[in-house]
């Protein structure tokens, strides 16, 4: 990322003045140091309060958790002000459902009463995630947040927008295929995975699979657009499953993760072969970090450039003296 490409500043002068006689060097690791300071500042300049039940019935003292968490805090607070909790996903798959029917060119009635062609997906064997469902609720299908249009005891239908079809693997589903399912999670509920929005960034290709003991390794190709947000030991959602990244190779464009025996039996990834596509959603906090720091880094860059210009002027005066 370009934000790390801060220049090294050197000030030297042969003049007798002591401050000019010494060279001022900003070391090559300074950008990382400055980045740490900026992150510390972001986490200590604003207030973020956890729900009272998390803090044992009192307001949490974890204030000043920074602007990085402010978007999350404000979304959750807005949901509570409306009298209901706003929903996200955790990446902990609740069950595997089965595709009953895929209609790619169904006539869908729009708000105006006119019809337009659209994709409708019918999922069955989904009794668990439909236990407290209602029309209009959200269910993640292979990690894609979709709106329930109709449902019965164990079957529901969802519509897929053109953008959803372009960015995910749902358009390639066929009858009988298994899919990962997860109900939406209240923002103030327990989260055993990480914060998954259900907004898939892209699909990746399975490059390799191999076994180590009772664990299954999987290597997935990802594009340069999302690789900067994938870090070792960080989170990523693969077909809606919250997983820990094991290795990342940005030059070759891939990352790996490992599935323990329990997870293998409860998600669809082990049933996929080399060459199959998986939905990828990076940890949204990485995007918040980049967005929150953008203006700060640009300001810092401008200040360094101004300082360099000032140093050049001072050195020019020293050389003339």
Protein backbone atom coordinates (compact mmCIF):
# COMPACT_ATOMS: atom_id res chain seq x y z
CA UNK A 1 0.00 0.00 0.00
CA UNK A 2 1.29 3.42 -0.91
CA UNK A 3 0.76 4.79 2.56
CA UNK A 4 3.99 3.12 3.67
CA UNK A 5 6.10 4.78 1.00
CA UNK A 6 7.17 7.74 3.12
CA UNK A 7 10.50 9.24 2.11
CA UNK A 8 13.67 9.09 4.17
CA UNK A 9 14.72 12.59 5.22
CA UNK A 10 18.40 13.51 5.61
CA UNK A 11 19.72 16.87 6.81
CA UNK A 12 23.43 17.57 6.69
CA UNK A 13 25.54 20.71 6.51
CA UNK A 14 29.21 21.60 6.85
CA UNK A 15 28.49 24.77 8.81
CA UNK A 16 29.78 25.32 12.31
CA UNK A 17 26.36 25.49 13.92
CA UNK A 18 25.93 22.36 16.01
CA UNK A 19 22.40 21.58 14.81
CA UNK A 20 23.59 21.88 11.23
CA UNK A 21 26.75 19.90 11.85
CA UNK A 22 24.81 16.80 12.86
CA UNK A 23 22.95 14.76 10.26
CA UNK A 24 19.31 14.10 10.99
CA UNK A 25 18.33 10.69 9.64
CA UNK A 26 14.83 9.32 9.62
CA UNK A 27 15.45 5.55 9.50
CA UNK A 28 13.89 3.22 6.99
CA UNK A 29 11.61 1.69 9.63
CA UNK A 30 10.14 5.11 10.51
CA UNK A 31 6.94 4.57 8.45
CA UNK A 32 6.12 1.50 10.55
CA UNK A 33 6.83 3.46 13.74
CA UNK A 34 4.66 6.33 12.56
CA UNK A 35 1.94 3.86 11.60
CA UNK A 36 1.98 2.44 15.12
CA UNK A 37 1.72 5.93 16.60
CA UNK A 38 -1.18 6.80 14.31
CA UNK A 39 -3.03 3.61 15.19
CA UNK A 40 -2.45 4.31 18.87
CA UNK A 41 -3.86 7.79 18.39
CA UNK A 42 -6.90 6.47 16.56
CA UNK A 43 -7.59 4.07 19.39
CA UNK A 44 -7.17 6.68 22.12
CA UNK A 45 -8.88 9.80 20.81
CA UNK A 46 -12.48 8.69 20.56
CA UNK A 47 -14.93 6.88 22.81
CA UNK A 48 -16.47 3.51 22.22
CA UNK A 49 -18.79 1.93 24.77
CA UNK A 50 -19.74 -1.72 24.95
CA UNK A 51 -23.35 -2.66 25.74
CA UNK A 52 -24.00 -2.51 29.47
CA UNK A 53 -24.51 -6.27 29.80
CA UNK A 54 -20.96 -6.86 28.53
CA UNK A 55 -19.56 -4.66 31.27
CA UNK A 56 -21.47 -6.43 34.01
CA UNK A 57 -24.38 -4.00 34.11
CA UNK A 58 -22.28 -0.84 34.08
CA UNK A 59 -20.99 1.28 31.28
CA UNK A 60 -17.79 -0.20 29.93
CA UNK A 61 -14.58 1.57 30.74
CA UNK A 62 -13.20 0.68 27.35
CA UNK A 63 -13.54 4.25 26.22
CA UNK A 64 -11.34 5.75 23.56
CA UNK A 65 -11.31 2.59 21.44
CA UNK A 66 -10.90 4.80 18.43
CA UNK A 67 -12.49 5.77 15.19
CA UNK A 68 -11.78 2.31 13.77
CA UNK A 69 -14.63 0.91 15.88
CA UNK A 70 -16.86 3.95 15.64
CA UNK A 71 -18.66 2.74 12.49
CA UNK A 72 -19.48 -0.56 14.19
CA UNK A 73 -20.56 1.16 17.40
CA UNK A 74 -22.82 3.61 15.60
CA UNK A 75 -24.48 0.88 13.54
CA UNK A 76 -25.22 -1.20 16.63
CA UNK A 77 -26.48 1.85 18.52
CA UNK A 78 -28.77 2.81 15.66
CA UNK A 79 -30.28 -0.67 15.68
CA UNK A 80 -30.93 -0.49 19.41
CA UNK A 81 -32.51 2.97 19.11
CA UNK A 82 -35.00 1.54 16.63
CA UNK A 83 -35.96 -1.06 19.21
CA UNK A 84 -34.30 -4.04 17.52
CA UNK A 85 -30.77 -5.30 17.20
CA UNK A 86 -29.11 -4.80 13.83
CA UNK A 87 -27.92 -8.11 12.35
CA UNK A 88 -24.55 -9.26 11.04
CA UNK A 89 -23.05 -12.74 10.72
CA UNK A 90 -20.34 -14.55 12.65
CA UNK A 91 -19.03 -16.97 10.03
CA UNK A 92 -20.03 -19.93 12.23
CA UNK A 93 -22.08 -22.07 9.84
CA UNK A 94 -25.22 -23.43 11.51
CA UNK A 95 -26.08 -26.09 8.99
CA UNK A 96 -25.65 -27.23 5.42
CA UNK A 97 -28.75 -26.87 3.30
CA UNK A 98 -29.45 -28.21 -0.18
CA UNK A 99 -30.36 -26.36 -3.35
CA UNK A 100 -33.85 -27.44 -4.42
CA UNK A 101 -34.30 -25.20 -7.43
CA UNK A 102 -32.51 -22.44 -9.34
CA UNK A 103 -34.51 -20.16 -11.63
CA UNK A 104 -32.20 -17.87 -13.61
CA UNK A 105 -34.76 -15.94 -15.68
CA UNK A 106 -37.82 -15.79 -13.50
CA UNK A 107 -40.26 -12.91 -13.98
CA UNK A 108 -39.95 -10.87 -10.77
CA UNK A 109 -42.56 -8.25 -9.85
CA UNK A 110 -40.94 -4.86 -9.16
CA UNK A 111 -42.16 -1.92 -7.05
CA UNK A 112 -43.95 -0.38 -10.02
CA UNK A 113 -45.91 -3.53 -10.80
CA UNK A 114 -43.78 -4.18 -13.86
CA UNK A 115 -41.76 -7.37 -14.15
CA UNK A 116 -38.08 -7.95 -14.71
CA UNK A 117 -35.96 -11.05 -15.18
CA UNK A 118 -34.11 -12.21 -12.08
CA UNK A 119 -32.60 -15.20 -10.30
CA UNK A 120 -34.51 -16.98 -7.54
CA UNK A 121 -32.89 -19.62 -5.38
CA UNK A 122 -34.84 -22.18 -3.35
CA UNK A 123 -33.03 -23.86 -0.45
CA UNK A 124 -34.35 -26.87 1.49
CA UNK A 125 -33.16 -28.95 4.49
CA UNK A 126 -32.94 -25.64 6.33
CA UNK A 127 -35.21 -26.16 9.34
CA UNK A 128 -32.64 -24.95 11.89
CA UNK A 129 -32.03 -21.53 10.32
CA UNK A 130 -35.77 -21.09 9.74
CA UNK A 131 -36.69 -21.71 13.38
CA UNK A 132 -37.30 -18.00 14.04
CA UNK A 133 -37.48 -16.76 10.45
CA UNK A 134 -39.85 -14.19 9.00
CA UNK A 135 -40.37 -12.73 5.54
CA UNK A 136 -37.66 -10.16 4.96
CA UNK A 137 -35.14 -11.65 7.41
CA UNK A 138 -31.52 -12.23 6.39
CA UNK A 139 -29.84 -15.60 5.94
CA UNK A 140 -26.30 -16.08 4.68
CA UNK A 141 -26.05 -18.62 1.86
CA UNK A 142 -22.41 -19.53 1.21
CA UNK A 143 -21.57 -16.30 3.01
CA UNK A 144 -23.87 -14.12 0.90
CA UNK A 145 -26.40 -12.06 2.86
CA UNK A 146 -29.77 -12.72 1.21
CA UNK A 147 -33.35 -11.70 2.02
CA UNK A 148 -35.91 -14.43 2.65
CA UNK A 149 -38.87 -13.91 0.30
CA UNK A 150 -41.00 -16.92 1.25
CA UNK A 151 -40.48 -19.90 3.56
CA UNK A 152 -42.10 -23.04 4.96
CA UNK A 153 -40.93 -25.40 7.69
CA UNK A 154 -37.60 -26.33 6.10
CA UNK A 155 -37.53 -24.52 2.75
CA UNK A 156 -37.06 -20.88 1.78
CA UNK A 157 -36.58 -18.79 -1.35
CA UNK A 158 -34.31 -15.79 -1.94
CA UNK A 159 -33.72 -13.46 -4.85
CA UNK A 160 -30.24 -12.74 -6.19
CA UNK A 161 -29.41 -9.37 -7.74
CA UNK A 162 -27.15 -9.14 -10.83
CA UNK A 163 -24.29 -7.79 -8.68
CA UNK A 164 -24.64 -10.79 -6.37
CA UNK A 165 -24.40 -13.16 -9.31
CA UNK A 166 -21.33 -11.34 -10.66
CA UNK A 167 -19.41 -11.29 -7.35
CA UNK A 168 -20.27 -14.71 -5.92
CA UNK A 169 -20.52 -18.37 -6.82
CA UNK A 170 -24.30 -18.52 -6.40
CA UNK A 171 -24.95 -18.21 -10.14
CA UNK A 172 -23.16 -21.50 -10.68
CA UNK A 173 -25.23 -23.49 -8.20
CA UNK A 174 -27.33 -26.41 -9.36
CA UNK A 175 -30.12 -28.48 -7.83
CA UNK A 176 -28.85 -30.91 -5.21
CA UNK A 177 -25.72 -28.94 -4.27
CA UNK A 178 -25.02 -28.22 -0.62
CA UNK A 179 -24.71 -24.70 0.72
CA UNK A 180 -23.57 -23.19 4.02
CA UNK A 181 -26.35 -21.50 5.99
CA UNK A 182 -26.26 -19.05 8.89
CA UNK A 183 -28.94 -16.87 10.45
CA UNK A 184 -28.21 -13.21 11.00
CA UNK A 185 -26.60 -12.44 14.33
CA UNK A 186 -27.60 -9.46 16.52
CA UNK A 187 -24.73 -6.98 16.79
CA UNK A 188 -24.90 -7.23 20.58
CA UNK A 189 -25.05 -11.04 20.55
CA UNK A 190 -22.36 -13.62 21.13
CA UNK A 191 -19.92 -13.99 18.24
CA UNK A 192 -17.74 -17.10 18.10
CA UNK A 193 -16.20 -16.19 14.74
CA UNK A 194 -15.62 -12.66 13.46
CA UNK A 195 -17.75 -9.85 12.06
CA UNK A 196 -18.97 -11.07 8.66
CA UNK A 197 -21.20 -8.75 6.66
CA UNK A 198 -22.28 -11.20 4.00
CA UNK A 199 -20.95 -8.79 1.37
CA UNK A 200 -18.69 -11.02 -0.71
CA UNK A 201 -15.68 -9.28 -2.25
CA UNK A 202 -14.95 -11.83 -4.95
CA UNK A 203 -14.60 -15.54 -5.66
CA UNK A 204 -11.32 -17.39 -5.31
CA UNK A 205 -10.14 -20.61 -6.91
CA UNK A 206 -9.09 -23.65 -4.91
CA UNK A 207 -5.53 -24.39 -6.03
CA UNK A 208 -4.54 -27.28 -3.80
CA UNK A 209 -5.74 -29.50 -0.94
CA UNK A 210 -3.73 -31.77 1.31
CA UNK A 211 -4.02 -33.54 4.63
CA UNK A 212 -1.88 -33.12 7.75
CA UNK A 213 -2.95 -35.47 10.51
CA UNK A 214 -6.70 -35.03 10.91
CA UNK A 215 -6.61 -31.50 9.49
CA UNK A 216 -7.26 -30.42 5.91
CA UNK A 217 -5.15 -27.71 4.28
CA UNK A 218 -6.63 -25.62 1.46
CA UNK A 219 -4.80 -23.16 -0.80
CA UNK A 220 -6.91 -20.51 -2.55
CA UNK A 221 -6.04 -18.01 -5.27
CA UNK A 222 -7.08 -14.41 -4.57
CA UNK A 223 -6.78 -11.27 -6.68
CA UNK A 224 -4.43 -8.32 -5.97
CA UNK A 225 -7.54 -6.29 -5.10
CA UNK A 226 -8.11 -8.12 -1.81
CA UNK A 227 -4.69 -9.63 -1.01
CA UNK A 228 -3.56 -6.49 0.91
CA UNK A 229 -6.38 -7.16 3.39
CA UNK A 230 -5.41 -10.82 3.93
CA UNK A 231 -2.78 -11.30 6.63
CA UNK A 232 -1.35 -14.32 8.39
CA UNK A 233 -3.33 -15.22 11.52
CA UNK A 234 -6.06 -12.80 10.44
CA UNK A 235 -9.67 -13.59 9.59
CA UNK A 236 -11.28 -14.35 6.26
CA UNK A 237 -14.73 -15.71 5.40
CA UNK A 238 -14.64 -18.53 2.83
CA UNK A 239 -18.11 -19.50 1.60
CA UNK A 240 -19.34 -17.80 4.75
CA UNK A 241 -17.09 -19.75 7.14
CA UNK A 242 -14.95 -17.72 9.54
CA UNK A 243 -11.41 -19.04 9.11
CA UNK A 244 -7.90 -18.17 10.24
CA UNK A 245 -5.39 -17.39 7.49
CA UNK A 246 -2.27 -19.56 7.81
CA UNK A 247 -0.01 -18.37 4.97
CA UNK A 248 -0.09 -15.58 2.40
CA UNK A 249 2.02 -15.26 -0.76
CA UNK A 250 1.30 -11.91 -2.41
CA UNK A 251 3.76 -12.52 -5.24
CA UNK A 252 2.05 -15.72 -6.37
CA UNK A 253 -1.39 -14.52 -5.26
CA UNK A 254 -2.62 -17.16 -2.82
CA UNK A 255 -3.36 -17.85 0.83
CA UNK A 256 -3.97 -20.99 2.87
CA UNK A 257 -6.16 -22.07 5.75
CA UNK A 258 -6.59 -25.26 7.74
CA UNK A 259 -9.81 -27.05 8.72
CA UNK A 260 -10.01 -29.10 11.90
CA UNK A 261 -11.96 -32.36 11.89
CA UNK A 262 -15.11 -30.85 13.43
CA UNK A 263 -15.31 -28.01 10.91
CA UNK A 264 -14.76 -30.39 7.98
CA UNK A 265 -18.01 -32.19 8.84
CA UNK A 266 -20.14 -29.03 9.10
CA UNK A 267 -19.25 -26.93 6.03
CA UNK A 268 -19.14 -27.41 2.26
CA UNK A 269 -15.46 -26.61 1.53
CA UNK A 270 -14.20 -30.21 2.03
CA UNK A 271 -16.71 -31.31 -0.62
CA UNK A 272 -15.13 -28.99 -3.20
CA UNK A 273 -12.37 -29.96 -5.61
CA UNK A 274 -9.32 -28.20 -7.00
CA UNK A 275 -10.53 -25.62 -9.51
CA UNK A 276 -13.83 -24.95 -7.74
CA UNK A 277 -14.77 -21.40 -6.76
CA UNK A 278 -15.32 -20.17 -3.19
CA UNK A 279 -16.79 -16.87 -2.00
CA UNK A 280 -14.27 -14.62 -0.25
CA UNK A 281 -15.00 -11.77 2.17
CA UNK A 282 -12.04 -10.11 3.87
CA UNK A 283 -12.21 -8.78 7.41
CA UNK A 284 -14.02 -5.44 7.12
CA UNK A 285 -11.91 -3.98 9.95
CA UNK A 286 -8.95 -3.92 7.55
CA UNK A 287 -10.98 -1.68 5.24
CA UNK A 288 -11.98 0.56 8.15
CA UNK A 289 -8.30 0.91 9.08
CA UNK A 290 -7.36 1.92 5.55
CA UNK A 291 -10.26 4.39 5.32
CA UNK A 292 -9.65 5.91 8.76
CA UNK A 293 -5.92 6.34 8.17
CA UNK A 294 -6.11 7.68 4.62
CA UNK A 295 -6.49 11.37 5.50
CA UNK A 296 -3.97 11.08 8.36
CA UNK A 297 -1.31 9.54 6.14
CA UNK A 298 -1.84 12.11 3.40
CA UNK A 299 -1.51 14.91 5.96
CA UNK A 300 1.66 13.33 7.31
CA UNK A 301 3.06 13.00 3.81
CA UNK A 302 2.35 16.67 3.09
CA UNK A 303 4.06 17.71 6.33
CA UNK A 304 7.16 15.67 5.50
CA UNK A 305 7.33 17.15 2.02
CA UNK A 306 7.04 20.66 3.48
CA UNK A 307 9.80 19.81 5.97
CA UNK A 308 12.02 18.55 3.17
CA UNK A 309 11.54 21.80 1.28
CA UNK A 310 12.43 23.78 4.41
CA UNK A 311 15.52 21.65 4.99
CA UNK A 312 16.64 22.21 1.39
CA UNK A 313 16.34 25.97 1.91
CA UNK A 314 18.36 25.84 5.15
CA UNK A 315 21.06 23.66 3.61
CA UNK A 316 21.29 26.07 0.68
CA UNK A 317 21.91 28.95 3.10
CA UNK A 318 24.51 26.89 4.92
CA UNK A 319 26.39 26.15 1.72
CA UNK A 320 26.42 29.84 0.84
CA UNK A 321 27.87 30.69 4.27
